[in-house]
Amino acid sequence: MKTSVLSAAFLASIATAAPALVKRQSTDIDGVILNYALTLEHLEAAFYAQGIAKFSEQDFAAAGFNGSQFYRNLKEVGRDEQVHVDFLTTALKGAGVTPVDACTYDFGNLTPATFIATAQILEGVGVSAYLGAAALITNKAYLTAAGSILTVEARHSSFVRNSLTLEPSPQPFDIPLDFNQVYSLAAPFIKACPATNPALPVKAFPTLTAGANTPSPLVQGTTIEFDLAAGMAVPAGPLYVAFPLADGAMFSSAVVKDCKVYARIPVGHTGPNGEVYAILTTSNTTITDDTTVAGPAVLEVAPFMAA
């Protein structure tokens, strides 16, 4: 059976450390962005290489992924990610910037089904990463190259979502995320990196994860229970859960009790649809490092259905 398996164990691993947003006026902004992208591409390339080495075409077919082209396309996605690694590494060396090398990763004890579900999340985050970084790139050639990778990542995302019988293109605009938010979603998989890797500035956010009994996909208007890290100090005053979107963010009032957060998914045709992100914040107008309390969490929300 094909289902989107956003398991509690996986969601509990999401969101720890994130690199601080680099300002456009930094003289090495393009080098930082390319190494940021290379960090994510190394992770994706390793993820696919490990999964394809571990699971055969028959393993995926037994789990319900048995389309005539599925395994071939999955291997092509993995090859694409490795080509992205090679391309970014060459570009950085050509610019006189030391490229980051691959780290040691831990993707957990995956099954064929949870491998594809994790791929769904990683590909969606990859799209959001390139989209969010694009505005900071100063070199037009690099911007074009990043855009060409972004469109391929989007096709990867549609392929994986379709394999899970999810809407391949659930919303008219993809969601941009900044460095902090994206790296916080990747960091739990990264266990150790070479000491020679250039350091990216990081900022750690406490975790925010959907509760163990959260269905997938969710429906707009549903009240979600999120988990906070045990013993986490929560700021006094009103709190909100922000849902970043392409044209801004939508906010819901949050209730916090015993390391649990309760908030309603906003409702609307242009509201959260598909793979979306939730961030606990002290503001109901903006999302910044200063207002972020915890998150992001990753959610799958069903397309909006008008009454």
Protein backbone atom coordinates (compact mmCIF):
# COMPACT_ATOMS: atom_id res chain seq x y z
CA MET A 1 0.00 0.00 0.00
CA LYS A 2 1.35 3.43 -0.93
CA THR A 3 1.04 5.90 1.91
CA SER A 4 2.89 9.01 3.05
CA VAL A 5 4.69 7.71 6.12
CA LEU A 6 5.55 10.80 8.17
CA SER A 7 6.38 8.68 11.21
CA ALA A 8 6.63 10.11 14.69
CA ALA A 9 10.24 8.88 14.87
CA PHE A 10 11.15 10.78 11.71
CA LEU A 11 9.28 13.93 12.67
CA ALA A 12 10.90 13.83 16.11
CA SER A 13 14.30 14.03 14.41
CA ILE A 14 13.50 17.23 12.56
CA ALA A 15 14.86 20.66 13.54
CA THR A 16 17.93 21.26 15.66
CA ALA A 17 20.66 23.56 14.31
CA ALA A 18 20.57 26.10 11.49
CA PRO A 19 23.03 28.52 9.87
CA ALA A 20 22.32 32.21 10.43
CA LEU A 21 21.00 34.03 7.40
CA VAL A 22 23.90 35.60 5.49
CA LYS A 23 23.33 39.17 4.40
CA ARG A 24 23.63 40.17 0.75
CA GLN A 25 26.40 42.70 1.48
CA SER A 26 28.77 39.94 2.60
CA THR A 27 31.66 39.81 0.13
CA ASP A 28 31.67 35.99 0.06
CA ILE A 29 27.91 35.56 -0.14
CA ASP A 30 27.95 33.49 -3.32
CA GLY A 31 30.59 31.13 -1.94
CA VAL A 32 28.62 30.69 1.26
CA ILE A 33 25.42 29.99 -0.68
CA LEU A 34 27.09 27.46 -2.96
CA ASN A 35 28.60 25.64 0.03
CA TYR A 36 25.21 25.74 1.73
CA ALA A 37 23.68 24.14 -1.38
CA LEU A 38 26.54 21.65 -1.60
CA THR A 39 25.95 20.61 2.01
CA LEU A 40 22.36 19.71 1.14
CA GLU A 41 23.32 18.00 -2.13
CA HIS A 42 25.90 15.84 -0.34
CA LEU A 43 23.17 14.75 2.08
CA GLU A 44 20.69 13.95 -0.70
CA ALA A 45 23.28 12.11 -2.80
CA ALA A 46 24.30 9.99 0.21
CA PHE A 47 20.66 9.31 1.07
CA TYR A 48 19.82 7.96 -2.38
CA ALA A 49 23.09 6.04 -2.69
CA GLN A 50 22.49 4.28 0.62
CA GLY A 51 18.83 3.55 -0.10
CA ILE A 52 19.37 2.19 -3.60
CA ALA A 53 22.27 0.05 -2.33
CA LYS A 54 20.10 -1.31 0.50
CA PHE A 55 16.82 -1.93 -1.35
CA SER A 56 16.30 -3.74 -4.65
CA GLU A 57 13.65 -3.13 -7.28
CA GLN A 58 11.81 -6.13 -5.83
CA ASP A 59 11.94 -4.61 -2.31
CA PHE A 60 10.24 -1.46 -3.55
CA ALA A 61 7.71 -3.44 -5.59
CA ALA A 62 6.79 -5.48 -2.51
CA ALA A 63 6.12 -2.19 -0.69
CA GLY A 64 3.75 -1.05 -3.44
CA PHE A 65 6.15 0.99 -5.60
CA ASN A 66 6.01 -1.24 -8.65
CA GLY A 67 5.39 1.02 -11.62
CA SER A 68 7.25 0.05 -14.78
CA GLN A 69 9.60 3.02 -14.54
CA PHE A 70 9.67 3.58 -10.78
CA TYR A 71 13.03 2.00 -9.90
CA ARG A 72 14.74 3.37 -12.99
CA ASN A 73 13.48 6.87 -12.19
CA LEU A 74 14.53 6.53 -8.56
CA LYS A 75 18.07 5.67 -9.61
CA GLU A 76 18.05 8.64 -12.00
CA VAL A 77 17.12 10.94 -9.11
CA GLY A 78 20.11 9.61 -7.19
CA ARG A 79 22.39 10.19 -10.18
CA ASP A 80 21.08 13.75 -10.51
CA GLU A 81 21.97 14.50 -6.89
CA GLN A 82 25.52 13.22 -7.40
CA VAL A 83 25.87 15.35 -10.55
CA HIS A 84 24.73 18.36 -8.51
CA VAL A 85 27.47 17.57 -5.97
CA ASP A 86 30.10 17.38 -8.69
CA PHE A 87 28.89 20.57 -10.36
CA LEU A 88 28.84 22.66 -7.18
CA THR A 89 32.22 21.32 -6.10
CA THR A 90 33.74 22.34 -9.44
CA ALA A 91 32.05 25.75 -9.33
CA LEU A 92 33.39 26.47 -5.84
CA LYS A 93 36.92 25.43 -6.77
CA GLY A 94 36.72 27.60 -9.86
CA ALA A 95 35.72 30.55 -7.68
CA GLY A 96 38.66 29.93 -5.35
CA VAL A 97 36.42 28.76 -2.51
CA THR A 98 37.09 25.54 -0.58
CA PRO A 99 34.08 23.23 -1.11
CA VAL A 100 32.65 21.25 1.78
CA ASP A 101 33.17 17.50 1.65
CA ALA A 102 30.54 14.90 2.44
CA CYS A 103 29.79 14.26 6.10
CA THR A 104 28.82 11.10 7.96
CA TYR A 105 25.05 10.64 7.89
CA ASP A 106 22.47 8.62 9.78
CA PHE A 107 19.09 8.25 8.11
CA GLY A 108 17.77 5.77 10.65
CA ASN A 109 16.52 2.24 10.16
CA LEU A 110 14.63 2.82 6.93
CA THR A 111 12.24 0.52 5.12
CA PRO A 112 11.36 0.96 1.43
CA ALA A 113 8.20 2.84 2.47
CA THR A 114 9.90 5.18 4.95
CA PHE A 115 12.75 5.71 2.48
CA ILE A 116 10.30 7.12 -0.08
CA ALA A 117 8.47 9.14 2.59
CA THR A 118 11.79 10.64 3.71
CA ALA A 119 12.68 11.34 0.07
CA GLN A 120 9.41 13.24 -0.23
CA ILE A 121 10.40 15.52 2.62
CA LEU A 122 14.01 15.99 1.51
CA GLU A 123 13.01 16.89 -2.05
CA GLY A 124 10.42 19.37 -0.82
CA VAL A 125 12.94 20.98 1.52
CA GLY A 126 15.45 21.08 -1.34
CA VAL A 127 13.04 23.08 -3.48
CA SER A 128 12.40 25.48 -0.60
CA ALA A 129 16.14 25.83 0.02
CA TYR A 130 17.05 26.87 -3.52
CA LEU A 131 14.02 29.12 -3.76
CA GLY A 132 14.89 30.90 -0.52
CA ALA A 133 18.59 31.32 -1.38
CA ALA A 134 18.01 32.65 -4.90
CA ALA A 135 17.34 36.22 -3.77
CA LEU A 136 20.78 36.43 -2.13
CA ILE A 137 22.90 35.27 -5.08
CA THR A 138 24.80 38.17 -6.66
CA ASN A 139 26.47 36.39 -9.63
CA LYS A 140 23.99 35.98 -12.49
CA ALA A 141 25.74 32.86 -13.77
CA TYR A 142 25.41 31.24 -10.35
CA LEU A 143 21.76 32.31 -10.19
CA THR A 144 21.05 30.63 -13.52
CA ALA A 145 22.85 27.47 -12.39
CA ALA A 146 20.94 27.41 -9.09
CA GLY A 147 17.69 27.93 -10.99
CA SER A 148 18.45 24.98 -13.25
CA ILE A 149 19.01 22.78 -10.19
CA LEU A 150 15.84 24.12 -8.54
CA THR A 151 13.66 23.06 -11.48
CA VAL A 152 15.13 19.55 -11.40
CA GLU A 153 14.58 19.29 -7.64
CA ALA A 154 10.95 20.30 -8.23
CA ARG A 155 10.55 17.47 -10.76
CA HIS A 156 12.11 15.07 -8.27
CA SER A 157 9.59 16.22 -5.69
CA SER A 158 6.67 15.68 -8.07
CA PHE A 159 7.91 12.19 -8.98
CA VAL A 160 8.21 11.13 -5.34
CA ARG A 161 4.88 12.67 -4.36
CA ASN A 162 3.15 10.94 -7.25
CA SER A 163 4.70 7.64 -6.14
CA LEU A 164 3.03 8.17 -2.77
CA THR A 165 -0.30 8.95 -4.51
CA LEU A 166 -0.04 12.52 -3.26
CA GLU A 167 -0.89 15.53 -5.41
CA PRO A 168 2.31 16.09 -7.48
CA SER A 169 1.79 19.87 -7.53
CA PRO A 170 -0.44 20.67 -4.56
CA GLN A 171 -0.06 24.46 -4.62
CA PRO A 172 0.49 27.16 -7.26
CA PHE A 173 3.59 28.56 -5.49
CA ASP A 174 6.40 26.76 -3.69
CA ILE A 175 7.50 27.90 -0.22
CA PRO A 176 10.90 29.61 0.20
CA LEU A 177 12.83 28.92 3.41
CA ASP A 178 15.91 30.71 4.68
CA PHE A 179 19.26 29.17 5.64
CA ASN A 180 18.29 28.75 9.29
CA GLN A 181 15.05 26.97 8.57
CA VAL A 182 16.45 24.64 5.91
CA TYR A 183 19.59 23.60 7.70
CA SER A 184 17.59 22.92 10.84
CA LEU A 185 15.74 20.25 8.86
CA ALA A 186 18.96 18.69 7.51
CA ALA A 187 21.15 18.85 10.62
CA PRO A 188 19.67 15.83 12.48
CA PHE A 189 20.89 13.53 9.71
CA ILE A 190 24.45 14.90 9.88
CA LYS A 191 26.48 13.13 12.56
CA ALA A 192 30.03 14.31 11.84
CA CYS A 193 31.79 16.39 9.19
CA PRO A 194 35.45 16.68 8.16
CA ALA A 195 37.34 19.20 10.27
CA THR A 196 38.60 20.78 7.05
CA ASN A 197 35.10 21.76 5.92
CA PRO A 198 34.48 25.52 5.80
CA ALA A 199 32.23 26.42 8.71
CA LEU A 200 28.75 27.73 8.02
CA PRO A 201 27.36 30.12 10.64
CA VAL A 202 24.74 28.20 12.62
CA LYS A 203 21.94 28.97 15.02
CA ALA A 204 20.13 26.21 16.87
CA PHE A 205 16.35 26.33 17.27
CA PRO A 206 14.55 24.02 19.69
CA THR A 207 12.59 21.23 18.08
CA LEU A 208 8.92 21.39 17.15
CA THR A 209 7.41 18.13 15.93
CA ALA A 210 3.92 16.96 15.09
CA GLY A 211 2.50 14.60 17.70
CA ALA A 212 2.76 10.84 17.26
CA ASN A 213 -0.92 10.45 16.33
CA THR A 214 -0.96 13.19 13.71
CA PRO A 215 -2.65 11.89 10.53
CA SER A 216 -1.14 12.47 7.09
CA PRO A 217 -2.31 14.24 5.13
CA LEU A 218 -3.92 16.75 7.47
CA VAL A 219 -6.89 18.91 6.56
CA GLN A 220 -7.03 22.69 6.77
CA GLY A 221 -8.85 23.75 9.91
CA THR A 222 -7.52 20.80 11.94
CA THR A 223 -6.05 21.57 15.35
CA ILE A 224 -2.62 19.94 15.61
CA GLU A 225 -0.75 18.83 18.70
CA PHE A 226 2.97 19.56 18.46
CA ASP A 227 5.68 18.34 20.82
CA LEU A 228 8.39 20.57 22.27
CA ALA A 229 11.70 19.40 23.69
CA ALA A 230 11.34 18.18 27.27
CA GLY A 231 11.97 20.94 29.79
CA MET A 232 12.12 23.65 27.14
CA ALA A 233 11.61 27.17 28.47
CA VAL A 234 8.80 28.93 26.61
CA PRO A 235 8.59 32.73 26.48
CA ALA A 236 5.79 34.43 28.34
CA GLY A 237 3.10 36.23 26.40
CA PRO A 238 1.09 35.33 23.31
CA LEU A 239 2.54 32.64 21.04
CA TYR A 240 1.65 31.72 17.48
CA VAL A 241 2.34 28.99 14.95
CA ALA A 242 3.43 30.49 11.65
CA PHE A 243 2.95 28.73 8.32
CA PRO A 244 5.36 30.33 5.82
CA LEU A 245 4.00 30.63 2.28
CA ALA A 246 5.25 32.13 -0.97
CA ASP A 247 3.26 35.35 -0.51
CA GLY A 248 3.92 35.71 3.21
CA ALA A 249 2.94 33.71 6.25
CA MET A 250 -0.34 32.72 7.86
CA PHE A 251 -0.54 32.59 11.64
CA SER A 252 -2.62 30.76 14.20
CA SER A 253 -2.82 31.38 17.93
CA ALA A 254 -0.94 28.74 19.91
CA VAL A 255 -1.74 27.21 23.27
CA VAL A 256 1.24 25.74 25.14
CA LYS A 257 0.80 23.22 27.94
CA ASP A 258 3.20 20.61 29.35
CA CYS A 259 5.65 20.73 26.40
CA LYS A 260 2.73 20.50 23.98
CA VAL A 261 1.64 23.14 21.49
CA TYR A 262 -1.86 23.28 20.04
CA ALA A 263 -2.65 25.33 16.94
CA ARG A 264 -5.10 25.27 14.04
CA ILE A 265 -4.04 24.94 10.41
CA PRO A 266 -5.24 28.09 8.60
CA VAL A 267 -8.01 27.69 6.05
CA GLY A 268 -8.01 29.16 2.55
CA HIS A 269 -7.49 28.39 -1.13
CA THR A 270 -4.02 29.96 -1.00
CA GLY A 271 -3.33 28.59 2.49
CA PRO A 272 -1.16 25.63 3.49
CA ASN A 273 -1.33 22.82 0.91
CA GLY A 274 1.03 19.90 0.32
CA GLU A 275 4.34 19.82 2.17
CA VAL A 276 4.27 22.80 4.51
CA TYR A 277 6.19 24.04 7.53
CA ALA A 278 5.12 25.17 10.99
CA ILE A 279 7.18 27.47 13.23
CA LEU A 280 6.42 28.46 16.82
CA THR A 281 6.91 32.22 17.11
CA THR A 282 6.26 35.18 19.37
CA SER A 283 4.94 37.27 16.46
CA ASN A 284 1.77 37.04 14.42
CA THR A 285 3.11 39.30 11.66
CA THR A 286 6.62 38.11 10.81
CA ILE A 287 9.07 35.20 11.13
CA THR A 288 12.63 36.10 12.12
CA ASP A 289 15.42 34.54 14.17
CA ASP A 290 14.45 36.80 17.05
CA THR A 291 10.78 35.78 16.99
CA THR A 292 11.32 32.05 16.36
CA VAL A 293 10.79 29.91 19.45
CA ALA A 294 10.94 26.43 17.88
CA GLY A 295 10.73 24.67 14.54
CA PRO A 296 10.24 24.21 11.71
CA ALA A 297 8.09 21.10 11.76
CA VAL A 298 7.12 19.41 8.48
CA LEU A 299 3.47 18.66 7.74
CA GLU A 300 1.55 17.23 4.80
CA VAL A 301 -1.73 19.09 4.27
CA ALA A 302 -4.41 17.95 1.83
CA PRO A 303 -5.37 20.38 -0.96
CA PHE A 304 -8.01 22.92 -0.03
CA MET A 305 -11.53 21.91 -0.94
CA ALA A 306 -14.06 24.75 -1.11
CA ALA A 307 -17.39 24.12 0.57
